[in-house]
Amino acid sequence: MTKNSCFIEYCEYVDDFRQEGKVKHQLRDILFIAVAATIANADSWPQVEVFVVDNEEWFRKYLELPYGITY
């Protein structure tokens, strides 16, 4: 990891303890979305969802989101 690494790259080092069969979304995507939405003043999961839906095009520039943006 270099000094210029982005947040998404840092998320790769977070251990993911979720049960494999129940996982659809990559942990790094969830972490990036949660941090970005929190910076944008979202303070609940419904607000995070609204933020992501409203900014889907921007998120797709940085995240794969193979199952879309909602559950």
C-alpha atoms as a PDB file:
ATOM      1  CA  MET A   1       0.000   0.000   0.000  1.00  0.00           C
ATOM      2  CA  THR A   2       1.406   3.387  -0.954  1.00  0.00           C
ATOM      3  CA  LYS A   3       0.953   6.814   0.512  1.00  0.00           C
ATOM      4  CA  ASN A   4      -1.465   7.632  -2.325  1.00  0.00           C
ATOM      5  CA  SER A   5      -3.656   4.546  -1.833  1.00  0.00           C
ATOM      6  CA  CYS A   6      -7.361   5.204  -1.762  1.00  0.00           C
ATOM      7  CA  PHE A   7      -9.872   4.226   0.891  1.00  0.00           C
ATOM      8  CA  ILE A   8     -11.207   1.343  -1.199  1.00  0.00           C
ATOM      9  CA  GLU A   9      -7.745  -0.244  -1.221  1.00  0.00           C
ATOM     10  CA  TYR A  10      -7.513   0.072   2.567  1.00  0.00           C
ATOM     11  CA  CYS A  11     -10.817  -1.796   2.869  1.00  0.00           C
ATOM     12  CA  GLU A  12      -9.201  -4.856   1.264  1.00  0.00           C
ATOM     13  CA  TYR A  13      -7.282  -5.385   4.519  1.00  0.00           C
ATOM     14  CA  VAL A  14     -10.398  -5.613   6.697  1.00  0.00           C
ATOM     15  CA  ASP A  15     -11.188  -9.200   7.638  1.00  0.00           C
ATOM     16  CA  ASP A  16     -14.626 -10.297   6.465  1.00  0.00           C
ATOM     17  CA  PHE A  17     -16.173 -12.706   8.958  1.00  0.00           C
ATOM     18  CA  ARG A  18     -19.561 -12.969   7.252  1.00  0.00           C
ATOM     19  CA  GLN A  19     -20.950 -16.382   6.325  1.00  0.00           C
ATOM     20  CA  GLU A  20     -19.937 -17.045   2.737  1.00  0.00           C
ATOM     21  CA  GLY A  21     -23.295 -18.414   1.569  1.00  0.00           C
ATOM     22  CA  LYS A  22     -25.123 -15.299   2.765  1.00  0.00           C
ATOM     23  CA  VAL A  23     -22.851 -12.730   1.134  1.00  0.00           C
ATOM     24  CA  LYS A  24     -23.836 -10.850  -2.011  1.00  0.00           C
ATOM     25  CA  HIS A  25     -21.999  -7.556  -1.671  1.00  0.00           C
ATOM     26  CA  GLN A  26     -18.269  -7.123  -1.224  1.00  0.00           C
ATOM     27  CA  LEU A  27     -17.300  -5.803   2.198  1.00  0.00           C
ATOM     28  CA  ARG A  28     -15.154  -3.044   0.672  1.00  0.00           C
ATOM     29  CA  ASP A  29     -18.205  -1.787  -1.261  1.00  0.00           C
ATOM     30  CA  ILE A  30     -20.330  -1.712   1.895  1.00  0.00           C
ATOM     31  CA  LEU A  31     -17.623   0.111   3.852  1.00  0.00           C
ATOM     32  CA  PHE A  32     -17.044   2.663   1.093  1.00  0.00           C
ATOM     33  CA  ILE A  33     -20.782   3.318   0.743  1.00  0.00           C
ATOM     34  CA  ALA A  34     -21.250   3.653   4.509  1.00  0.00           C
ATOM     35  CA  VAL A  35     -18.367   6.117   4.878  1.00  0.00           C
ATOM     36  CA  ALA A  36     -19.373   8.187   1.837  1.00  0.00           C
ATOM     37  CA  ALA A  37     -22.994   8.383   2.983  1.00  0.00           C
ATOM     38  CA  THR A  38     -21.952   9.281   6.528  1.00  0.00           C
ATOM     39  CA  ILE A  39     -19.793  12.105   5.210  1.00  0.00           C
ATOM     40  CA  ALA A  40     -22.889  13.256   3.311  1.00  0.00           C
ATOM     41  CA  ASN A  41     -24.806  13.364   6.638  1.00  0.00           C
ATOM     42  CA  ALA A  42     -26.727  10.085   6.375  1.00  0.00           C
ATOM     43  CA  ASP A  43     -27.348   8.864   9.907  1.00  0.00           C
ATOM     44  CA  SER A  44     -29.446   5.740   9.320  1.00  0.00           C
ATOM     45  CA  TRP A  45     -29.425   2.816   6.892  1.00  0.00           C
ATOM     46  CA  PRO A  46     -32.553   4.093   5.078  1.00  0.00           C
ATOM     47  CA  GLN A  47     -30.753   7.414   4.520  1.00  0.00           C
ATOM     48  CA  VAL A  48     -27.682   5.545   3.279  1.00  0.00           C
ATOM     49  CA  GLU A  49     -29.867   3.679   0.786  1.00  0.00           C
ATOM     50  CA  VAL A  50     -31.429   6.911  -0.488  1.00  0.00           C
ATOM     51  CA  PHE A  51     -27.988   8.469  -0.836  1.00  0.00           C
ATOM     52  CA  VAL A  52     -26.655   5.500  -2.802  1.00  0.00           C
ATOM     53  CA  VAL A  53     -29.686   5.342  -5.091  1.00  0.00           C
ATOM     54  CA  ASP A  54     -29.431   9.069  -5.777  1.00  0.00           C
ATOM     55  CA  ASN A  55     -25.694   8.783  -6.509  1.00  0.00           C
ATOM     56  CA  GLU A  56     -25.540   5.385  -8.210  1.00  0.00           C
ATOM     57  CA  GLU A  57     -23.694   6.682 -11.276  1.00  0.00           C
ATOM     58  CA  TRP A  58     -20.916   8.136  -9.114  1.00  0.00           C
ATOM     59  CA  PHE A  59     -20.594   4.956  -7.017  1.00  0.00           C
ATOM     60  CA  ARG A  60     -20.325   2.800 -10.138  1.00  0.00           C
ATOM     61  CA  LYS A  61     -17.170   4.710 -11.092  1.00  0.00           C
ATOM     62  CA  TYR A  62     -15.430   3.247  -8.038  1.00  0.00           C
ATOM     63  CA  LEU A  63     -17.280   0.041  -7.133  1.00  0.00           C
ATOM     64  CA  GLU A  64     -18.192  -3.111  -9.021  1.00  0.00           C
ATOM     65  CA  LEU A  65     -21.644  -3.582  -7.444  1.00  0.00           C
ATOM     66  CA  PRO A  66     -22.337  -6.891  -9.249  1.00  0.00           C
ATOM     67  CA  TYR A  67     -25.776  -7.246  -7.567  1.00  0.00           C
ATOM     68  CA  GLY A  68     -26.807  -3.626  -7.895  1.00  0.00           C
ATOM     69  CA  ILE A  69     -27.091  -1.109  -5.110  1.00  0.00           C
ATOM     70  CA  THR A  70     -30.023  -2.416  -3.105  1.00  0.00           C
ATOM     71  CA  TYR A  71     -30.701  -5.776  -1.522  1.00  0.00           C
END
